[in-house]
N, C-alpha and C. Protein backbone atom coordinates (compact mmCIF):
# COMPACT_ATOMS: atom_id res chain seq x y z
N MET A 1 24.67 -4.61 -47.37
CA MET A 1 24.30 -6.23 -46.69
C MET A 1 25.51 -7.24 -46.48
N ILE A 2 26.00 -7.66 -46.00
CA ILE A 2 27.05 -7.76 -46.05
C ILE A 2 26.86 -9.32 -45.63
N GLY A 3 27.61 -10.61 -46.15
CA GLY A 3 27.32 -11.76 -45.64
C GLY A 3 26.38 -12.28 -45.64
N GLY A 4 25.27 -11.77 -46.47
CA GLY A 4 24.04 -12.22 -46.26
C GLY A 4 22.87 -12.48 -45.29
N GLY A 5 23.44 -10.96 -44.38
CA GLY A 5 22.92 -10.49 -43.25
C GLY A 5 21.13 -10.32 -43.60
N ILE A 6 20.23 -10.60 -42.44
CA ILE A 6 19.02 -9.39 -42.27
C ILE A 6 19.49 -8.41 -42.41
N THR A 7 18.25 -6.99 -42.95
CA THR A 7 18.49 -6.55 -43.20
C THR A 7 17.56 -5.89 -42.59
N TRP A 8 17.02 -5.52 -41.86
CA TRP A 8 15.44 -4.80 -41.64
C TRP A 8 14.93 -3.21 -41.03
N GLU A 9 14.22 -2.50 -41.09
CA GLU A 9 14.31 -1.43 -41.18
C GLU A 9 13.31 -0.96 -39.79
N LEU A 10 13.04 0.38 -39.10
CA LEU A 10 12.16 0.46 -38.32
C LEU A 10 11.57 1.71 -38.16
N THR A 11 10.41 2.19 -38.81
CA THR A 11 9.87 3.26 -39.02
C THR A 11 8.82 3.57 -37.27
N GLY A 12 8.60 4.94 -37.67
CA GLY A 12 8.13 5.16 -36.22
C GLY A 12 8.42 4.89 -34.33
N ILE A 13 10.23 5.57 -34.67
CA ILE A 13 10.88 4.53 -33.10
C ILE A 13 10.07 6.34 -32.25
N GLU A 14 9.00 6.67 -32.55
CA GLU A 14 9.68 8.19 -31.44
C GLU A 14 7.94 7.87 -31.40
N ALA A 15 7.14 6.91 -31.81
CA ALA A 15 5.81 6.18 -31.57
C ALA A 15 6.01 5.24 -30.78
N LEU A 16 6.69 4.53 -30.73
CA LEU A 16 7.05 4.06 -30.21
C LEU A 16 7.59 4.64 -28.42
N ILE A 17 8.38 4.87 -28.24
CA ILE A 17 8.85 5.40 -27.72
C ILE A 17 8.05 7.15 -26.29
N THR A 18 6.23 7.03 -27.06
CA THR A 18 5.48 7.65 -26.71
C THR A 18 4.66 6.38 -26.25
N ARG A 19 4.68 4.99 -26.70
CA ARG A 19 3.65 4.98 -26.77
C ARG A 19 4.40 3.93 -25.26
N LEU A 20 5.08 3.57 -24.77
CA LEU A 20 6.48 2.60 -24.40
C LEU A 20 6.95 3.93 -22.50
N SER A 21 6.86 5.70 -23.16
CA SER A 21 6.34 6.11 -21.89
C SER A 21 5.24 6.27 -20.89
N LYS A 22 4.55 6.18 -21.50
CA LYS A 22 2.58 6.06 -21.77
C LYS A 22 2.02 5.40 -20.07
N SER A 23 3.13 3.82 -21.18
CA SER A 23 2.95 2.71 -20.42
C SER A 23 3.88 2.86 -18.78
N ARG A 24 4.75 3.21 -19.13
CA ARG A 24 4.73 3.06 -18.00
C ARG A 24 4.51 4.24 -17.11
N THR A 25 4.26 5.47 -17.29
CA THR A 25 3.83 6.19 -16.64
C THR A 25 1.92 5.44 -16.02
N ALA A 26 1.14 4.85 -16.47
CA ALA A 26 -0.45 3.94 -16.64
C ALA A 26 -0.33 2.88 -14.92
N PHE A 27 1.80 2.60 -15.91
CA PHE A 27 1.89 0.79 -15.20
C PHE A 27 2.27 1.79 -13.65
N HIS A 28 3.08 3.03 -13.40
CA HIS A 28 2.71 3.59 -11.95
C HIS A 28 1.86 3.59 -11.45
N THR A 29 0.88 4.61 -12.28
CA THR A 29 -0.33 4.82 -12.34
C THR A 29 -1.25 4.00 -11.12
N ALA A 30 -1.43 3.07 -11.90
CA ALA A 30 -2.67 1.03 -11.39
C ALA A 30 -1.45 0.72 -10.21
N ALA A 31 0.07 0.64 -10.58
CA ALA A 31 0.64 0.63 -8.51
C ALA A 31 0.80 0.74 -7.56
N ALA A 32 0.45 2.85 -7.63
CA ALA A 32 0.27 3.60 -6.76
C ALA A 32 -0.98 3.27 -6.12
N ALA A 33 -2.12 2.97 -6.65
CA ALA A 33 -3.57 2.71 -6.63
C ALA A 33 -3.71 1.36 -5.78
N ALA A 34 -2.97 0.96 -6.02
CA ALA A 34 -3.90 -0.28 -5.86
C ALA A 34 -2.75 -0.37 -4.66
N VAL A 35 -1.41 -0.21 -3.94
CA VAL A 35 -0.89 0.22 -2.47
C VAL A 35 -1.71 0.90 -1.72
N TYR A 36 -2.02 1.65 -2.52
CA TYR A 36 -3.10 2.85 -1.78
C TYR A 36 -4.45 2.64 -1.34
N GLN A 37 -4.68 1.28 -1.36
CA GLN A 37 -6.12 0.99 -1.64
C GLN A 37 -5.94 -0.61 -0.66
N GLU A 38 -4.46 -1.27 -0.86
CA GLU A 38 -4.62 -2.10 -0.22
C GLU A 38 -3.97 -1.46 1.78
N ALA A 39 -3.34 -0.19 1.47
CA ALA A 39 -2.96 0.63 2.54
C ALA A 39 -4.39 0.73 3.44
N ASN A 40 -5.20 0.93 2.58
CA ASN A 40 -6.50 1.67 3.28
C ASN A 40 -7.06 1.02 4.29
N GLU A 41 -7.54 -0.33 3.75
CA GLU A 41 -8.50 -1.28 4.25
C GLU A 41 -7.26 -1.67 5.52
N ILE A 42 -6.25 -1.94 5.23
CA ILE A 42 -5.22 -2.53 6.43
C ILE A 42 -5.66 -1.11 7.66
N PHE A 43 -5.59 -0.23 7.30
CA PHE A 43 -6.25 0.89 8.13
C PHE A 43 -7.73 0.80 8.69
N ASN A 44 -7.99 0.46 7.88
CA ASN A 44 -10.17 0.19 8.43
C ASN A 44 -9.92 -1.09 9.49
N GLU A 45 -8.73 -2.20 9.95
CA GLU A 45 -8.89 -2.41 10.03
C GLU A 45 -8.43 -2.37 11.16
N SER A 46 -7.00 -2.02 11.26
CA SER A 46 -6.72 -1.72 12.49
C SER A 46 -7.48 -0.25 12.94
N GLN A 47 -8.58 0.26 12.45
CA GLN A 47 -9.37 0.96 13.43
C GLN A 47 -10.08 0.43 13.89
N ARG A 48 -11.15 -0.85 13.23
CA ARG A 48 -11.40 -1.82 14.07
C ARG A 48 -11.15 -1.95 15.44
N VAL A 49 -9.38 -2.12 15.67
CA VAL A 49 -9.19 -2.66 16.88
C VAL A 49 -7.82 -1.68 17.90
N VAL A 50 -8.32 -1.02 17.03
CA VAL A 50 -7.25 0.44 17.68
C VAL A 50 -8.21 0.95 19.46
N PRO A 51 -6.90 0.73 20.48
CA PRO A 51 -7.91 1.00 21.68
C PRO A 51 -8.77 2.64 21.99
N VAL A 52 -9.75 2.87 22.32
CA VAL A 52 -10.76 3.71 22.26
C VAL A 52 -11.03 3.74 23.81
N ARG A 53 -10.30 5.17 24.02
CA ARG A 53 -10.25 5.73 25.61
C ARG A 53 -11.12 6.49 25.60
N PHE A 54 -10.67 8.52 24.77
CA PHE A 54 -11.29 9.28 24.48
C PHE A 54 -10.86 9.20 23.18
N GLY A 55 -10.37 9.10 22.08
CA GLY A 55 -10.60 8.70 21.21
C GLY A 55 -9.91 9.24 20.45
N ILE A 56 -8.44 9.76 20.64
CA ILE A 56 -7.41 10.20 20.99
C ILE A 56 -6.11 9.89 19.63
N LEU A 57 -6.06 8.53 19.96
CA LEU A 57 -5.42 7.49 19.19
C LEU A 57 -6.07 6.71 17.88
N ALA A 58 -6.98 6.81 18.35
CA ALA A 58 -7.97 6.12 16.89
C ALA A 58 -8.69 7.29 15.78
N ALA A 59 -8.17 9.02 16.50
CA ALA A 59 -7.97 9.95 15.22
C ALA A 59 -6.74 9.94 14.94
N SER A 60 -6.16 9.69 15.62
CA SER A 60 -4.49 10.16 14.96
C SER A 60 -4.15 9.01 13.82
N GLY A 61 -5.13 8.13 13.41
CA GLY A 61 -5.01 7.45 12.45
C GLY A 61 -4.69 7.92 10.98
N HIS A 62 -3.81 6.98 10.43
CA HIS A 62 -3.53 8.01 9.21
C HIS A 62 -3.23 7.63 7.80
N VAL A 63 -3.36 7.56 6.49
CA VAL A 63 -2.58 7.20 5.46
C VAL A 63 -2.19 8.07 4.77
N THR A 64 -0.61 7.92 4.50
CA THR A 64 -0.31 8.98 3.73
C THR A 64 -0.58 8.82 1.98
N ALA A 65 -0.82 10.14 1.57
CA ALA A 65 -0.68 10.05 -0.08
C ALA A 65 -0.14 8.49 -0.80
N PRO A 66 -0.12 7.84 -1.84
CA PRO A 66 1.21 6.58 -2.44
C PRO A 66 2.04 8.11 -3.66
N THR A 67 3.78 7.30 -2.95
CA THR A 67 5.29 8.47 -3.76
C THR A 67 5.60 7.36 -4.82
N VAL A 68 5.54 7.94 -5.53
CA VAL A 68 6.70 6.88 -6.81
C VAL A 68 6.93 7.29 -6.84
N HIS A 69 8.24 5.87 -6.64
CA HIS A 69 9.74 6.30 -6.90
C HIS A 69 10.21 5.41 -8.33
N ASN A 70 11.23 5.14 -9.07
CA ASN A 70 11.72 4.82 -9.75
C ASN A 70 11.39 2.71 -10.20
N ASP A 71 11.10 2.55 -8.64
CA ASP A 71 11.25 1.18 -8.65
C ASP A 71 10.51 0.25 -7.67
N TYR A 72 9.50 1.30 -7.26
CA TYR A 72 8.24 0.91 -6.32
C TYR A 72 7.61 2.07 -5.74
N VAL A 73 6.65 1.56 -4.89
CA VAL A 73 5.80 2.72 -4.70
C VAL A 73 5.50 2.88 -2.39
N GLU A 74 5.15 3.73 -2.19
CA GLU A 74 5.67 3.99 -1.12
C GLU A 74 4.23 4.29 -1.14
N THR A 75 3.83 4.15 -0.08
CA THR A 75 3.01 4.82 1.44
C THR A 75 3.18 4.12 2.79
N THR A 76 2.37 4.87 3.40
CA THR A 76 2.54 4.81 5.34
C THR A 76 1.14 5.41 6.24
N ILE A 77 1.16 4.08 6.74
CA ILE A 77 0.16 3.76 7.61
C ILE A 77 0.54 4.12 9.62
N GLY A 78 -0.23 5.87 9.69
CA GLY A 78 -0.25 5.41 11.13
C GLY A 78 -0.95 5.85 11.68
N TYR A 79 -0.24 6.13 13.13
CA TYR A 79 -0.91 6.57 14.29
C TYR A 79 0.30 7.56 15.03
N GLY A 80 -0.51 8.59 16.06
CA GLY A 80 0.60 9.34 16.07
C GLY A 80 -0.10 10.66 16.87
N GLY A 81 0.99 11.40 16.48
CA GLY A 81 -0.02 12.92 15.97
C GLY A 81 0.52 13.38 17.72
N ALA A 82 -1.35 13.22 18.51
CA ALA A 82 -1.83 14.31 18.86
C ALA A 82 -2.05 12.96 20.52
N ALA A 83 -1.93 12.24 20.00
CA ALA A 83 -1.53 10.43 20.61
C ALA A 83 -0.46 9.90 21.31
N SER A 84 0.62 10.98 20.21
CA SER A 84 2.29 9.63 20.24
C SER A 84 3.08 9.65 21.67
N ALA A 85 3.29 10.39 22.20
CA ALA A 85 3.48 9.94 24.10
C ALA A 85 3.12 8.68 23.74
N TYR A 86 1.90 7.97 23.71
CA TYR A 86 1.47 6.55 24.26
C TYR A 86 1.03 6.05 23.11
N ALA A 87 0.95 6.06 22.01
CA ALA A 87 0.38 5.20 20.68
C ALA A 87 1.62 3.68 21.06
N LEU A 88 2.39 4.66 20.86
CA LEU A 88 3.82 2.90 20.99
C LEU A 88 3.10 2.28 22.52
N ILE A 89 3.23 2.23 23.21
CA ILE A 89 3.29 2.03 25.01
C ILE A 89 1.67 1.19 24.87
N VAL A 90 0.71 1.75 23.87
CA VAL A 90 -0.50 1.41 24.03
C VAL A 90 -0.38 0.22 22.55
N HIS A 91 0.30 0.59 21.80
CA HIS A 91 0.49 -0.90 21.14
C HIS A 91 0.93 -1.98 21.35
N GLU A 92 2.00 -1.64 22.10
CA GLU A 92 2.90 -2.46 22.65
C GLU A 92 3.03 -3.41 24.21
N ARG A 93 1.65 -2.84 25.22
CA ARG A 93 1.58 -3.47 25.83
C ARG A 93 0.02 -4.15 25.59
N VAL A 94 0.91 -5.83 26.07
CA VAL A 94 -0.63 -6.59 25.72
C VAL A 94 -1.09 -7.21 27.53
N TYR A 95 -0.77 -6.78 28.38
CA TYR A 95 -1.23 -7.48 29.38
C TYR A 95 -0.77 -6.21 30.69
N GLY A 96 -1.48 -5.79 31.46
CA GLY A 96 -1.84 -5.02 32.78
C GLY A 96 -1.56 -5.68 34.05
N ALA A 97 -1.55 -5.06 35.61
CA ALA A 97 -1.16 -5.38 36.27
C ALA A 97 -1.48 -6.63 36.71
N LYS A 98 -0.99 -7.54 37.08
CA LYS A 98 -1.83 -9.21 37.89
C LYS A 98 -1.66 -9.77 35.91
N GLY A 99 -1.25 -9.98 35.31
CA GLY A 99 -1.14 -10.51 34.14
C GLY A 99 -2.80 -10.12 33.34
N LYS A 100 -4.08 -9.50 33.25
CA LYS A 100 -4.53 -9.32 33.12
C LYS A 100 -4.75 -8.47 31.08
N ILE A 101 -5.33 -8.71 30.78
CA ILE A 101 -5.44 -8.70 28.92
C ILE A 101 -5.92 -7.32 29.57
N TRP A 102 -4.88 -6.41 29.22
CA TRP A 102 -5.08 -4.63 29.49
C TRP A 102 -6.18 -4.24 28.23
N HIS A 103 -6.23 -4.68 26.94
CA HIS A 103 -7.55 -4.12 26.54
C HIS A 103 -8.29 -4.96 26.37
N LYS A 104 -10.28 -4.33 26.06
CA LYS A 104 -11.16 -4.21 25.94
C LYS A 104 -10.92 -5.25 24.45
N ARG A 105 -12.02 -6.29 24.29
CA ARG A 105 -11.72 -6.33 23.34
C ARG A 105 -13.40 -5.84 22.88
N PRO A 106 -13.32 -5.41 21.71
CA PRO A 106 -12.59 -5.80 19.66
C PRO A 106 -11.41 -5.27 19.96
N THR A 107 -10.79 -4.26 20.48
CA THR A 107 -9.63 -3.70 20.67
C THR A 107 -8.07 -4.41 21.23
N LYS A 108 -7.04 -3.75 21.56
CA LYS A 108 -6.45 -4.99 21.34
C LYS A 108 -4.95 -4.16 21.11
N ALA A 109 -3.51 -4.65 22.19
CA ALA A 109 -2.42 -3.73 21.27
C ALA A 109 -2.12 -4.20 20.32
N LYS A 110 -1.18 -4.44 19.76
CA LYS A 110 -0.73 -4.51 18.01
C LYS A 110 -1.58 -4.33 16.68
N TYR A 111 -2.61 -2.82 17.38
CA TYR A 111 -3.54 -2.84 16.87
C TYR A 111 -2.71 -2.55 15.40
N LEU A 112 -1.59 -2.07 15.34
CA LEU A 112 -1.62 -2.13 13.80
C LEU A 112 -0.80 -3.21 13.58
N SER A 113 0.11 -2.96 14.15
CA SER A 113 1.59 -4.57 13.13
C SER A 113 1.21 -6.11 13.40
N ASP A 114 -0.71 -6.15 13.74
CA ASP A 114 -0.88 -7.91 13.08
C ASP A 114 -2.56 -7.53 12.62
N PRO A 115 -3.05 -6.27 12.23
CA PRO A 115 -3.42 -6.63 10.05
C PRO A 115 -2.56 -5.53 9.66
N VAL A 116 -1.34 -5.00 9.83
CA VAL A 116 -0.22 -5.06 8.73
C VAL A 116 0.00 -6.75 8.33
N ASN A 117 0.48 -8.12 9.34
CA ASN A 117 0.61 -8.71 9.58
C ASN A 117 -0.09 -9.88 8.52
N GLU A 118 -1.55 -10.26 8.50
CA GLU A 118 -2.21 -10.43 8.02
C GLU A 118 -2.26 -10.15 6.79
N ALA A 119 -2.50 -8.80 6.35
CA ALA A 119 -2.55 -8.10 5.00
C ALA A 119 -1.13 -8.97 4.19
N ALA A 120 0.13 -9.27 4.98
CA ALA A 120 1.04 -9.80 4.29
C ALA A 120 0.41 -10.76 3.38
N ARG A 121 -0.32 -11.68 3.61
CA ARG A 121 -0.49 -13.02 3.41
C ARG A 121 -1.48 -12.65 1.76
N GLY A 122 -1.22 -12.74 1.07
CA GLY A 122 -1.79 -12.79 -0.13
C GLY A 122 -1.62 -10.73 -0.69
N ILE A 123 -0.89 -10.46 -0.24
CA ILE A 123 -0.93 -9.13 -1.16
C ILE A 123 -0.40 -9.00 -1.97
N GLU A 124 0.42 -10.28 -2.49
CA GLU A 124 1.45 -10.28 -4.24
C GLU A 124 0.15 -10.39 -4.67
N GLU A 125 -0.79 -11.10 -4.19
CA GLU A 125 -2.00 -11.55 -5.72
C GLU A 125 -2.92 -10.70 -5.51
N ARG A 126 -3.14 -9.52 -4.54
CA ARG A 126 -3.62 -8.77 -4.67
C ARG A 126 -3.62 -7.55 -5.32
N LEU A 127 -2.66 -7.56 -5.30
CA LEU A 127 -2.16 -5.81 -5.54
C LEU A 127 -1.84 -5.82 -6.98
N SER A 128 -1.76 -7.36 -7.60
CA SER A 128 -1.99 -7.94 -8.90
C SER A 128 -2.98 -7.82 -9.87
N ARG A 129 -3.97 -8.46 -8.99
CA ARG A 129 -5.50 -8.60 -9.26
C ARG A 129 -5.83 -7.13 -9.33
N ARG A 130 -5.81 -6.57 -8.99
CA ARG A 130 -6.37 -4.69 -8.72
C ARG A 130 -5.40 -3.56 -9.37
N MET A 131 -4.26 -4.23 -9.68
CA MET A 131 -3.79 -3.45 -10.96
C MET A 131 -4.58 -3.57 -12.02
N THR A 132 -4.58 -5.21 -12.25
CA THR A 132 -4.54 -5.54 -13.14
C THR A 132 -6.85 -5.08 -14.40
N VAL A 133 -6.93 -4.76 -13.22
CA VAL A 133 -8.27 -4.16 -13.12
C VAL A 133 -8.20 -2.18 -13.45
N SER A 134 -7.08 -1.83 -12.74
CA SER A 134 -7.33 -1.02 -12.72
C SER A 134 -6.17 -0.39 -14.48
N SER A 135 -5.41 -0.98 -14.56
CA SER A 135 -4.86 -0.44 -15.73
C SER A 135 -5.65 -1.44 -17.32
N ARG A 136 -6.42 -2.11 -17.61
CA ARG A 136 -7.69 -2.39 -18.00
C ARG A 136 -7.34 -1.91 -18.92
N GLY A 137 -6.94 -1.51 -20.23
CA GLY A 137 -6.78 -1.19 -21.67
C GLY A 137 -6.01 0.53 -21.24
N GLY A 138 -5.37 -0.10 -19.95
CA GLY A 138 -4.49 1.58 -19.89
C GLY A 138 -2.98 2.06 -20.29
N LEU A 139 -2.86 0.25 -20.77
CA LEU A 139 -0.89 -0.43 -20.37
C LEU A 139 -0.83 -0.01 -22.14
N PHE A 140 -0.90 -1.12 -22.68
CA PHE A 140 -0.64 -1.37 -23.97
C PHE A 140 -1.16 -1.00 -24.91
N GLY A 141 -3.03 -0.87 -24.59
CA GLY A 141 -4.23 -1.03 -24.93
C GLY A 141 -4.27 0.93 -25.44
N GLY A 142 -6.02 1.18 -25.98
CA GLY A 142 -6.00 2.26 -26.54
C GLY A 142 -5.67 3.27 -26.25
């Protein structure tokens, strides 16, 4: 000991590393579950308002499984597939001929961007709540 300093010994470093690694995995799992749940709720709202003529556009809607990256979780909500030739046109077209609203209620243009923008309000709180619930006892406990 030099100059009256403090000496301490750390034991169980392997156990600490294992616990931290499990905590990181648990955090990523909770984040992916929360993001996927949020994406599905947005998708469900978009399905309620997506225009339906033959059902092809609505049937093309999808949510991809979440992908965990080092510092973020990614998922995609989209429409297209068999309807890709007109999905964007239908999404953007608010008015038809003579300025009449193109879509019959409850369907509408902006069937995906409106639900996304509405969900953006309060998303941090909802994701945090979902992660807390899904990770109880999983991050540092048990």
